[in-house]
């Protein structure tokens, strides 16, 4: 789940704290992204996906970051974001939550 090569410079205590902060903030951002998507506020979806992309890669969550990037790029290139892409991001987030909380 966590790509250790991306966070090799962080000791375990700092990584644990960073993951806790990520989880707290990302929970709010995922909720906001889902609401924005439901309301077809795609600029907000792209902004939130960008924010999630950066914060997730900084704690080694490469797959989650890639999915957020895909959503952001689809919106910026005026492609329709499929519901399945949002659902995949939500699924990855649930996996992250379970991994961090265990």
PDB file of N, CA and C in Angstrom:
ATOM      1  N   UNK A   1       0.831  -1.198   0.000  1.00  0.00           N
ATOM      2  CA  UNK A   1       0.000   0.000   0.000  1.00  0.00           C
ATOM      3  C   UNK A   1       0.870   1.254   0.000  1.00  0.00           C
ATOM      4  N   UNK A   2       1.815   1.338   0.935  1.00  0.00           N
ATOM      5  CA  UNK A   2       2.704   2.495   1.005  1.00  0.00           C
ATOM      6  C   UNK A   2       3.986   2.157   0.264  1.00  0.00           C
ATOM      7  N   UNK A   3       4.354   2.989  -0.687  1.00  0.00           N
ATOM      8  CA  UNK A   3       5.598   2.806  -1.413  1.00  0.00           C
ATOM      9  C   UNK A   3       6.722   3.366  -0.552  1.00  0.00           C
ATOM     10  N   UNK A   4       7.444   2.477   0.100  1.00  0.00           N
ATOM     11  CA  UNK A   4       8.482   2.885   1.057  1.00  0.00           C
ATOM     12  C   UNK A   4       9.619   3.659   0.399  1.00  0.00           C
ATOM     13  N   UNK A   5       9.839   3.459  -0.886  1.00  0.00           N
ATOM     14  CA  UNK A   5      10.917   4.207  -1.535  1.00  0.00           C
ATOM     15  C   UNK A   5      10.580   5.685  -1.648  1.00  0.00           C
ATOM     16  N   UNK A   6       9.302   6.008  -1.679  1.00  0.00           N
ATOM     17  CA  UNK A   6       8.884   7.415  -1.768  1.00  0.00           C
ATOM     18  C   UNK A   6       9.033   8.145  -0.437  1.00  0.00           C
ATOM     19  N   UNK A   7       9.058   7.399   0.648  1.00  0.00           N
ATOM     20  CA  UNK A   7       9.135   8.006   1.985  1.00  0.00           C
ATOM     21  C   UNK A   7      10.347   7.490   2.757  1.00  0.00           C
ATOM     22  N   UNK A   8      11.364   7.069   2.037  1.00  0.00           N
ATOM     23  CA  UNK A   8      12.550   6.479   2.662  1.00  0.00           C
ATOM     24  C   UNK A   8      13.257   7.451   3.600  1.00  0.00           C
ATOM     25  N   UNK A   9      13.127   8.745   3.353  1.00  0.00           N
ATOM     26  CA  UNK A   9      13.794   9.741   4.189  1.00  0.00           C
ATOM     27  C   UNK A   9      13.070   9.989   5.515  1.00  0.00           C
ATOM     28  N   UNK A  10      11.868   9.473   5.659  1.00  0.00           N
ATOM     29  CA  UNK A  10      11.099   9.690   6.886  1.00  0.00           C
ATOM     30  C   UNK A  10      11.292   8.515   7.844  1.00  0.00           C
ATOM     31  N   UNK A  11      11.511   8.828   9.120  1.00  0.00           N
ATOM     32  CA  UNK A  11      11.552   7.724  10.074  1.00  0.00           C
ATOM     33  C   UNK A  11      10.118   7.284  10.369  1.00  0.00           C
ATOM     34  N   UNK A  12       9.976   6.142  10.996  1.00  0.00           N
ATOM     35  CA  UNK A  12       8.647   5.539  11.195  1.00  0.00           C
ATOM     36  C   UNK A  12       7.706   6.423  12.007  1.00  0.00           C
ATOM     37  N   UNK A  13       8.216   7.096  13.032  1.00  0.00           N
ATOM     38  CA  UNK A  13       7.359   7.958  13.856  1.00  0.00           C
ATOM     39  C   UNK A  13       6.813   9.139  13.051  1.00  0.00           C
ATOM     40  N   UNK A  14       7.674   9.735  12.253  1.00  0.00           N
ATOM     41  CA  UNK A  14       7.239  10.874  11.434  1.00  0.00           C
ATOM     42  C   UNK A  14       6.248  10.411  10.378  1.00  0.00           C
ATOM     43  N   UNK A  15       6.504   9.271   9.753  1.00  0.00           N
ATOM     44  CA  UNK A  15       5.579   8.733   8.759  1.00  0.00           C
ATOM     45  C   UNK A  15       4.224   8.435   9.394  1.00  0.00           C
ATOM     46  N   UNK A  16       4.227   7.860  10.581  1.00  0.00           N
ATOM     47  CA  UNK A  16       2.968   7.568  11.281  1.00  0.00           C
ATOM     48  C   UNK A  16       2.187   8.848  11.545  1.00  0.00           C
ATOM     49  N   UNK A  17       2.871   9.883  11.987  1.00  0.00           N
ATOM     50  CA  UNK A  17       2.200  11.174  12.222  1.00  0.00           C
ATOM     51  C   UNK A  17       1.698  11.772  10.913  1.00  0.00           C
ATOM     52  N   UNK A  18       2.507  11.699   9.868  1.00  0.00           N
ATOM     53  CA  UNK A  18       2.109  12.241   8.566  1.00  0.00           C
ATOM     54  C   UNK A  18       0.887  11.508   8.017  1.00  0.00           C
ATOM     55  N   UNK A  19       0.850  10.200   8.191  1.00  0.00           N
ATOM     56  CA  UNK A  19      -0.305   9.415   7.740  1.00  0.00           C
ATOM     57  C   UNK A  19      -1.560   9.777   8.523  1.00  0.00           C
ATOM     58  N   UNK A  20      -1.422  10.024   9.804  1.00  0.00           N
ATOM     59  CA  UNK A  20      -2.577  10.426  10.620  1.00  0.00           C
ATOM     60  C   UNK A  20      -3.130  11.765  10.150  1.00  0.00           C
ATOM     61  N   UNK A  21      -2.246  12.705   9.863  1.00  0.00           N
ATOM     62  CA  UNK A  21      -2.677  14.018   9.359  1.00  0.00           C
ATOM     63  C   UNK A  21      -3.316  13.854   7.985  1.00  0.00           C
ATOM     64  N   UNK A  22      -2.690  13.033   7.130  1.00  0.00           N
ATOM     65  CA  UNK A  22      -3.269  12.778   5.811  1.00  0.00           C
ATOM     66  C   UNK A  22      -4.679  12.223   5.937  1.00  0.00           C
ATOM     67  N   UNK A  23      -4.838  11.215   6.779  1.00  0.00           N
ATOM     68  CA  UNK A  23      -6.137  10.564   6.941  1.00  0.00           C
ATOM     69  C   UNK A  23      -7.197  11.552   7.412  1.00  0.00           C
ATOM     70  N   UNK A  24      -6.857  12.392   8.363  1.00  0.00           N
ATOM     71  CA  UNK A  24      -7.802  13.383   8.879  1.00  0.00           C
ATOM     72  C   UNK A  24      -8.224  14.356   7.771  1.00  0.00           C
ATOM     73  N   UNK A  25      -7.250  14.910   7.059  1.00  0.00           N
ATOM     74  CA  UNK A  25      -7.548  15.889   6.017  1.00  0.00           C
ATOM     75  C   UNK A  25      -8.215  15.251   4.799  1.00  0.00           C
ATOM     76  N   UNK A  26      -7.726  14.081   4.418  1.00  0.00           N
ATOM     77  CA  UNK A  26      -8.258  13.424   3.227  1.00  0.00           C
ATOM     78  C   UNK A  26      -9.703  12.985   3.415  1.00  0.00           C
ATOM     79  N   UNK A  27     -10.079  12.645   4.627  1.00  0.00           N
ATOM     80  CA  UNK A  27     -11.472  12.273   4.889  1.00  0.00           C
ATOM     81  C   UNK A  27     -12.399  13.426   4.522  1.00  0.00           C
ATOM     82  N   UNK A  28     -12.024  14.618   4.918  1.00  0.00           N
ATOM     83  CA  UNK A  28     -12.811  15.820   4.603  1.00  0.00           C
ATOM     84  C   UNK A  28     -12.782  16.099   3.105  1.00  0.00           C
ATOM     85  N   UNK A  29     -11.595  15.982   2.499  1.00  0.00           N
ATOM     86  CA  UNK A  29     -11.453  16.281   1.076  1.00  0.00           C
ATOM     87  C   UNK A  29     -12.186  15.277   0.198  1.00  0.00           C
ATOM     88  N   UNK A  30     -12.163  13.997   0.562  1.00  0.00           N
ATOM     89  CA  UNK A  30     -12.906  12.978  -0.197  1.00  0.00           C
ATOM     90  C   UNK A  30     -14.402  13.269  -0.135  1.00  0.00           C
ATOM     91  N   UNK A  31     -14.883  13.609   1.048  1.00  0.00           N
ATOM     92  CA  UNK A  31     -16.296  13.943   1.200  1.00  0.00           C
ATOM     93  C   UNK A  31     -16.654  15.142   0.323  1.00  0.00           C
ATOM     94  N   UNK A  32     -15.815  16.163   0.341  1.00  0.00           N
ATOM     95  CA  UNK A  32     -16.058  17.358  -0.472  1.00  0.00           C
ATOM     96  C   UNK A  32     -15.991  17.027  -1.959  1.00  0.00           C
ATOM     97  N   UNK A  33     -15.039  16.188  -2.351  1.00  0.00           N
ATOM     98  CA  UNK A  33     -14.922  15.788  -3.753  1.00  0.00           C
ATOM     99  C   UNK A  33     -16.169  15.046  -4.212  1.00  0.00           C
ATOM    100  N   UNK A  34     -16.667  14.127  -3.387  1.00  0.00           N
ATOM    101  CA  UNK A  34     -17.883  13.385  -3.744  1.00  0.00           C
ATOM    102  C   UNK A  34     -19.080  14.313  -3.894  1.00  0.00           C
ATOM    103  N   UNK A  35     -19.208  15.274  -2.984  1.00  0.00           N
ATOM    104  CA  UNK A  35     -20.311  16.237  -3.077  1.00  0.00           C
ATOM    105  C   UNK A  35     -20.180  17.087  -4.329  1.00  0.00           C
ATOM    106  N   UNK A  36     -18.963  17.542  -4.616  1.00  0.00           N
ATOM    107  CA  UNK A  36     -18.737  18.359  -5.815  1.00  0.00           C
ATOM    108  C   UNK A  36     -19.053  17.564  -7.078  1.00  0.00           C
ATOM    109  N   UNK A  37     -18.670  16.286  -7.104  1.00  0.00           N
ATOM    110  CA  UNK A  37     -18.954  15.449  -8.265  1.00  0.00           C
ATOM    111  C   UNK A  37     -20.458  15.266  -8.440  1.00  0.00           C
ATOM    112  N   UNK A  38     -21.156  15.002  -7.345  1.00  0.00           N
ATOM    113  CA  UNK A  38     -22.611  14.844  -7.398  1.00  0.00           C
ATOM    114  C   UNK A  38     -23.287  16.107  -7.924  1.00  0.00           C
ATOM    115  N   UNK A  39     -22.746  17.268  -7.524  1.00  0.00           N
ATOM    116  CA  UNK A  39     -23.314  18.558  -7.948  1.00  0.00           C
ATOM    117  C   UNK A  39     -22.745  19.060  -9.271  1.00  0.00           C
ATOM    118  N   UNK A  40     -21.931  18.230  -9.931  1.00  0.00           N
ATOM    119  CA  UNK A  40     -21.315  18.574 -11.222  1.00  0.00           C
ATOM    120  C   UNK A  40     -20.471  19.843 -11.147  1.00  0.00           C
ATOM    121  N   UNK A  41     -19.816  20.023 -10.013  1.00  0.00           N
ATOM    122  CA  UNK A  41     -18.897  21.151  -9.809  1.00  0.00           C
ATOM    123  C   UNK A  41     -17.490  20.660 -10.112  1.00  0.00           C
ATOM    124  N   UNK A  42     -17.217  20.514 -11.404  1.00  0.00           N
ATOM    125  CA  UNK A  42     -16.013  19.822 -11.835  1.00  0.00           C
ATOM    126  C   UNK A  42     -14.726  20.599 -11.553  1.00  0.00           C
ATOM    127  N   UNK A  43     -14.786  21.902 -11.510  1.00  0.00           N
ATOM    128  CA  UNK A  43     -13.593  22.682 -11.143  1.00  0.00           C
ATOM    129  C   UNK A  43     -13.191  22.332  -9.710  1.00  0.00           C
ATOM    130  N   UNK A  44     -14.170  22.217  -8.836  1.00  0.00           N
ATOM    131  CA  UNK A  44     -13.886  21.830  -7.449  1.00  0.00           C
ATOM    132  C   UNK A  44     -13.383  20.393  -7.371  1.00  0.00           C
ATOM    133  N   UNK A  45     -13.927  19.519  -8.191  1.00  0.00           N
ATOM    134  CA  UNK A  45     -13.457  18.133  -8.218  1.00  0.00           C
ATOM    135  C   UNK A  45     -11.981  18.098  -8.610  1.00  0.00           C
ATOM    136  N   UNK A  46     -11.626  18.851  -9.647  1.00  0.00           N
ATOM    137  CA  UNK A  46     -10.230  18.890 -10.102  1.00  0.00           C
ATOM    138  C   UNK A  46      -9.318  19.469  -9.019  1.00  0.00           C
ATOM    139  N   UNK A  47      -9.755  20.517  -8.367  1.00  0.00           N
ATOM    140  CA  UNK A  47      -8.955  21.151  -7.308  1.00  0.00           C
ATOM    141  C   UNK A  47      -8.729  20.172  -6.153  1.00  0.00           C
ATOM    142  N   UNK A  48      -9.772  19.501  -5.743  1.00  0.00           N
ATOM    143  CA  UNK A  48      -9.663  18.549  -4.638  1.00  0.00           C
ATOM    144  C   UNK A  48      -8.836  17.328  -5.035  1.00  0.00           C
ATOM    145  N   UNK A  49      -9.002  16.858  -6.259  1.00  0.00           N
ATOM    146  CA  UNK A  49      -8.201  15.728  -6.733  1.00  0.00           C
ATOM    147  C   UNK A  49      -6.720  16.111  -6.748  1.00  0.00           C
ATOM    148  N   UNK A  50      -6.422  17.332  -7.163  1.00  0.00           N
ATOM    149  CA  UNK A  50      -5.045  17.818  -7.171  1.00  0.00           C
ATOM    150  C   UNK A  50      -4.472  17.836  -5.753  1.00  0.00           C
ATOM    151  N   UNK A  51      -5.250  18.343  -4.844  1.00  0.00           N
ATOM    152  CA  UNK A  51      -4.827  18.414  -3.439  1.00  0.00           C
ATOM    153  C   UNK A  51      -4.588  17.013  -2.864  1.00  0.00           C
ATOM    154  N   UNK A  52      -5.498  16.092  -3.145  1.00  0.00           N
ATOM    155  CA  UNK A  52      -5.355  14.712  -2.680  1.00  0.00           C
ATOM    156  C   UNK A  52      -4.152  14.025  -3.327  1.00  0.00           C
ATOM    157  N   UNK A  53      -3.916  14.340  -4.573  1.00  0.00           N
ATOM    158  CA  UNK A  53      -2.775  13.755  -5.282  1.00  0.00           C
ATOM    159  C   UNK A  53      -1.471  14.116  -4.581  1.00  0.00           C
ATOM    160  N   UNK A  54      -1.304  15.402  -4.308  1.00  0.00           N
ATOM    161  CA  UNK A  54      -0.067  15.861  -3.674  1.00  0.00           C
ATOM    162  C   UNK A  54       0.119  15.342  -2.267  1.00  0.00           C
ATOM    163  N   UNK A  55      -0.944  15.388  -1.494  1.00  0.00           N
ATOM    164  CA  UNK A  55      -0.817  14.950  -0.093  1.00  0.00           C
ATOM    165  C   UNK A  55      -0.610  13.448   0.007  1.00  0.00           C
ATOM    166  N   UNK A  56      -1.198  12.693  -0.885  1.00  0.00           N
ATOM    167  CA  UNK A  56      -1.060  11.236  -0.812  1.00  0.00           C
ATOM    168  C   UNK A  56       0.326  10.772  -1.260  1.00  0.00           C
ATOM    169  N   UNK A  57       0.871  11.398  -2.270  1.00  0.00           N
ATOM    170  CA  UNK A  57       2.201  10.976  -2.728  1.00  0.00           C
ATOM    171  C   UNK A  57       3.251  11.332  -1.693  1.00  0.00           C
ATOM    172  N   UNK A  58       3.001  12.383  -0.920  1.00  0.00           N
ATOM    173  CA  UNK A  58       3.986  12.789   0.094  1.00  0.00           C
ATOM    174  C   UNK A  58       4.085  11.789   1.256  1.00  0.00           C
ATOM    175  N   UNK A  59       3.086  10.924   1.388  1.00  0.00           N
ATOM    176  CA  UNK A  59       3.135   9.866   2.408  1.00  0.00           C
ATOM    177  C   UNK A  59       3.241   8.481   1.773  1.00  0.00           C
ATOM    178  N   UNK A  60       3.616   8.430   0.504  1.00  0.00           N
ATOM    179  CA  UNK A  60       3.901   7.166  -0.158  1.00  0.00           C
ATOM    180  C   UNK A  60       2.722   6.408  -0.713  1.00  0.00           C
ATOM    181  N   UNK A  61       1.565   7.037  -0.801  1.00  0.00           N
ATOM    182  CA  UNK A  61       0.361   6.355  -1.294  1.00  0.00           C
ATOM    183  C   UNK A  61       0.254   6.531  -2.812  1.00  0.00           C
ATOM    184  N   UNK A  62       1.101   5.805  -3.509  1.00  0.00           N
ATOM    185  CA  UNK A  62       1.264   5.981  -4.948  1.00  0.00           C
ATOM    186  C   UNK A  62       0.002   5.654  -5.751  1.00  0.00           C
ATOM    187  N   UNK A  63      -0.653   4.531  -5.474  1.00  0.00           N
ATOM    188  CA  UNK A  63      -1.850   4.157  -6.239  1.00  0.00           C
ATOM    189  C   UNK A  63      -2.971   5.175  -6.050  1.00  0.00           C
ATOM    190  N   UNK A  64      -3.146   5.617  -4.825  1.00  0.00           N
ATOM    191  CA  UNK A  64      -4.173   6.623  -4.533  1.00  0.00           C
ATOM    192  C   UNK A  64      -3.850   7.915  -5.279  1.00  0.00           C
ATOM    193  N   UNK A  65      -2.584   8.305  -5.248  1.00  0.00           N
ATOM    194  CA  UNK A  65      -2.155   9.530  -5.922  1.00  0.00           C
ATOM    195  C   UNK A  65      -2.384   9.440  -7.430  1.00  0.00           C
ATOM    196  N   UNK A  66      -2.080   8.289  -8.015  1.00  0.00           N
ATOM    197  CA  UNK A  66      -2.281   8.096  -9.456  1.00  0.00           C
ATOM    198  C   UNK A  66      -3.760   8.217  -9.832  1.00  0.00           C
ATOM    199  N   UNK A  67      -4.636   7.673  -8.992  1.00  0.00           N
ATOM    200  CA  UNK A  67      -6.070   7.753  -9.274  1.00  0.00           C
ATOM    201  C   UNK A  67      -6.564   9.193  -9.177  1.00  0.00           C
ATOM    202  N   UNK A  68      -6.096   9.920  -8.175  1.00  0.00           N
ATOM    203  CA  UNK A  68      -6.472  11.332  -8.043  1.00  0.00           C
ATOM    204  C   UNK A  68      -5.963  12.128  -9.235  1.00  0.00           C
ATOM    205  N   UNK A  69      -4.760  11.819  -9.683  1.00  0.00           N
ATOM    206  CA  UNK A  69      -4.184  12.499 -10.852  1.00  0.00           C
ATOM    207  C   UNK A  69      -5.010  12.219 -12.106  1.00  0.00           C
ATOM    208  N   UNK A  70      -5.440  10.974 -12.275  1.00  0.00           N
ATOM    209  CA  UNK A  70      -6.261  10.609 -13.432  1.00  0.00           C
ATOM    210  C   UNK A  70      -7.545  11.436 -13.463  1.00  0.00           C
ATOM    211  N   UNK A  71      -8.198  11.554 -12.321  1.00  0.00           N
ATOM    212  CA  UNK A  71      -9.437  12.344 -12.241  1.00  0.00           C
ATOM    213  C   UNK A  71      -9.151  13.805 -12.577  1.00  0.00           C
ATOM    214  N   UNK A  72      -8.106  14.353 -11.994  1.00  0.00           N
ATOM    215  CA  UNK A  72      -7.738  15.747 -12.254  1.00  0.00           C
ATOM    216  C   UNK A  72      -7.459  15.963 -13.742  1.00  0.00           C
ATOM    217  N   UNK A  73      -6.693  15.079 -14.364  1.00  0.00           N
ATOM    218  CA  UNK A  73      -6.347  15.230 -15.770  1.00  0.00           C
ATOM    219  C   UNK A  73      -7.555  15.102 -16.682  1.00  0.00           C
ATOM    220  N   UNK A  74      -8.457  14.178 -16.352  1.00  0.00           N
ATOM    221  CA  UNK A  74      -9.660  14.018 -17.182  1.00  0.00           C
ATOM    222  C   UNK A  74     -10.486  15.302 -17.181  1.00  0.00           C
ATOM    223  N   UNK A  75     -10.607  15.921 -16.038  1.00  0.00           N
ATOM    224  CA  UNK A  75     -11.380  17.161 -15.954  1.00  0.00           C
ATOM    225  C   UNK A  75     -10.668  18.287 -16.694  1.00  0.00           C
ATOM    226  N   UNK A  76      -9.372  18.403 -16.492  1.00  0.00           N
ATOM    227  CA  UNK A  76      -8.618  19.480 -17.130  1.00  0.00           C
ATOM    228  C   UNK A  76      -8.568  19.342 -18.643  1.00  0.00           C
ATOM    229  N   UNK A  77      -8.704  18.126 -19.150  1.00  0.00           N
ATOM    230  CA  UNK A  77      -8.706  17.926 -20.598  1.00  0.00           C
ATOM    231  C   UNK A  77     -10.127  17.863 -21.157  1.00  0.00           C
ATOM    232  N   UNK A  78     -11.075  18.309 -20.335  1.00  0.00           N
ATOM    233  CA  UNK A  78     -12.492  18.378 -20.714  1.00  0.00           C
ATOM    234  C   UNK A  78     -13.103  17.027 -21.034  1.00  0.00           C
ATOM    235  N   UNK A  79     -12.529  15.987 -20.477  1.00  0.00           N
ATOM    236  CA  UNK A  79     -13.126  14.669 -20.617  1.00  0.00           C
ATOM    237  C   UNK A  79     -14.115  14.460 -19.481  1.00  0.00           C
ATOM    238  N   UNK A  80     -15.116  13.704 -19.753  1.00  0.00           N
ATOM    239  CA  UNK A  80     -16.081  13.393 -18.700  1.00  0.00           C
ATOM    240  C   UNK A  80     -15.448  12.421 -17.706  1.00  0.00           C
ATOM    241  N   UNK A  81     -15.576  12.736 -16.457  1.00  0.00           N
ATOM    242  CA  UNK A  81     -15.079  11.837 -15.419  1.00  0.00           C
ATOM    243  C   UNK A  81     -16.169  10.813 -15.143  1.00  0.00           C
ATOM    244  N   UNK A  82     -15.812   9.582 -15.325  1.00  0.00           N
ATOM    245  CA  UNK A  82     -16.781   8.515 -15.100  1.00  0.00           C
ATOM    246  C   UNK A  82     -16.979   8.294 -13.607  1.00  0.00           C
ATOM    247  N   UNK A  83     -18.181   7.951 -13.263  1.00  0.00           N
ATOM    248  CA  UNK A  83     -18.503   7.626 -11.877  1.00  0.00           C
ATOM    249  C   UNK A  83     -17.577   6.529 -11.355  1.00  0.00           C
ATOM    250  N   UNK A  84     -17.180   5.610 -12.251  1.00  0.00           N
ATOM    251  CA  UNK A  84     -16.318   4.510 -11.822  1.00  0.00           C
ATOM    252  C   UNK A  84     -14.954   5.014 -11.359  1.00  0.00           C
ATOM    253  N   UNK A  85     -14.480   6.125 -11.917  1.00  0.00           N
ATOM    254  CA  UNK A  85     -13.186   6.680 -11.493  1.00  0.00           C
ATOM    255  C   UNK A  85     -13.284   7.261 -10.084  1.00  0.00           C
ATOM    256  N   UNK A  86     -14.392   7.904  -9.793  1.00  0.00           N
ATOM    257  CA  UNK A  86     -14.629   8.441  -8.450  1.00  0.00           C
ATOM    258  C   UNK A  86     -14.790   7.290  -7.462  1.00  0.00           C
ATOM    259  N   UNK A  87     -15.523   6.262  -7.872  1.00  0.00           N
ATOM    260  CA  UNK A  87     -15.725   5.103  -7.002  1.00  0.00           C
ATOM    261  C   UNK A  87     -14.408   4.376  -6.723  1.00  0.00           C
ATOM    262  N   UNK A  88     -13.535   4.328  -7.732  1.00  0.00           N
ATOM    263  CA  UNK A  88     -12.231   3.694  -7.526  1.00  0.00           C
ATOM    264  C   UNK A  88     -11.409   4.487  -6.513  1.00  0.00           C
ATOM    265  N   UNK A  89     -11.462   5.827  -6.592  1.00  0.00           N
ATOM    266  CA  UNK A  89     -10.760   6.658  -5.616  1.00  0.00           C
ATOM    267  C   UNK A  89     -11.305   6.404  -4.213  1.00  0.00           C
ATOM    268  N   UNK A  90     -12.633   6.320  -4.096  1.00  0.00           N
ATOM    269  CA  UNK A  90     -13.257   6.021  -2.805  1.00  0.00           C
ATOM    270  C   UNK A  90     -12.833   4.646  -2.286  1.00  0.00           C
ATOM    271  N   UNK A  91     -12.773   3.679  -3.166  1.00  0.00           N
ATOM    272  CA  UNK A  91     -12.359   2.334  -2.767  1.00  0.00           C
ATOM    273  C   UNK A  91     -10.907   2.330  -2.292  1.00  0.00           C
ATOM    274  N   UNK A  92     -10.042   3.013  -3.019  1.00  0.00           N
ATOM    275  CA  UNK A  92      -8.643   3.111  -2.608  1.00  0.00           C
ATOM    276  C   UNK A  92      -8.522   3.815  -1.264  1.00  0.00           C
ATOM    277  N   UNK A  93      -9.354   4.832  -1.046  1.00  0.00           N
ATOM    278  CA  UNK A  93      -9.303   5.537   0.225  1.00  0.00           C
ATOM    279  C   UNK A  93      -9.716   4.632   1.379  1.00  0.00           C
ATOM    280  N   UNK A  94     -10.731   3.810   1.161  1.00  0.00           N
ATOM    281  CA  UNK A  94     -11.140   2.859   2.202  1.00  0.00           C
ATOM    282  C   UNK A  94     -10.010   1.876   2.525  1.00  0.00           C
ATOM    283  N   UNK A  95      -9.293   1.445   1.485  1.00  0.00           N
ATOM    284  CA  UNK A  95      -8.151   0.565   1.702  1.00  0.00           C
ATOM    285  C   UNK A  95      -7.067   1.266   2.514  1.00  0.00           C
ATOM    286  N   UNK A  96      -6.824   2.530   2.188  1.00  0.00           N
ATOM    287  CA  UNK A  96      -5.836   3.330   2.929  1.00  0.00           C
ATOM    288  C   UNK A  96      -6.255   3.450   4.393  1.00  0.00           C
ATOM    289  N   UNK A  97      -7.535   3.772   4.621  1.00  0.00           N
ATOM    290  CA  UNK A  97      -8.025   3.896   5.993  1.00  0.00           C
ATOM    291  C   UNK A  97      -7.798   2.599   6.765  1.00  0.00           C
ATOM    292  N   UNK A  98      -8.155   1.474   6.164  1.00  0.00           N
ATOM    293  CA  UNK A  98      -8.000   0.190   6.831  1.00  0.00           C
ATOM    294  C   UNK A  98      -6.523  -0.108   7.112  1.00  0.00           C
ATOM    295  N   UNK A  99      -5.663   0.213   6.161  1.00  0.00           N
ATOM    296  CA  UNK A  99      -4.243  -0.035   6.320  1.00  0.00           C
ATOM    297  C   UNK A  99      -3.656   0.813   7.454  1.00  0.00           C
ATOM    298  N   UNK A 100      -4.021   2.081   7.487  1.00  0.00           N
ATOM    299  CA  UNK A 100      -3.488   2.993   8.488  1.00  0.00           C
ATOM    300  C   UNK A 100      -4.036   2.658   9.871  1.00  0.00           C
ATOM    301  N   UNK A 101      -5.302   2.304   9.947  1.00  0.00           N
ATOM    302  CA  UNK A 101      -5.934   2.037  11.237  1.00  0.00           C
ATOM    303  C   UNK A 101      -5.600   0.663  11.822  1.00  0.00           C
ATOM    304  N   UNK A 102      -4.947  -0.179  11.043  1.00  0.00           N
ATOM    305  CA  UNK A 102      -4.587  -1.524  11.547  1.00  0.00           C
ATOM    306  C   UNK A 102      -3.147  -1.615  11.889  1.00  0.00           C
TER     307      UNK A 102
END
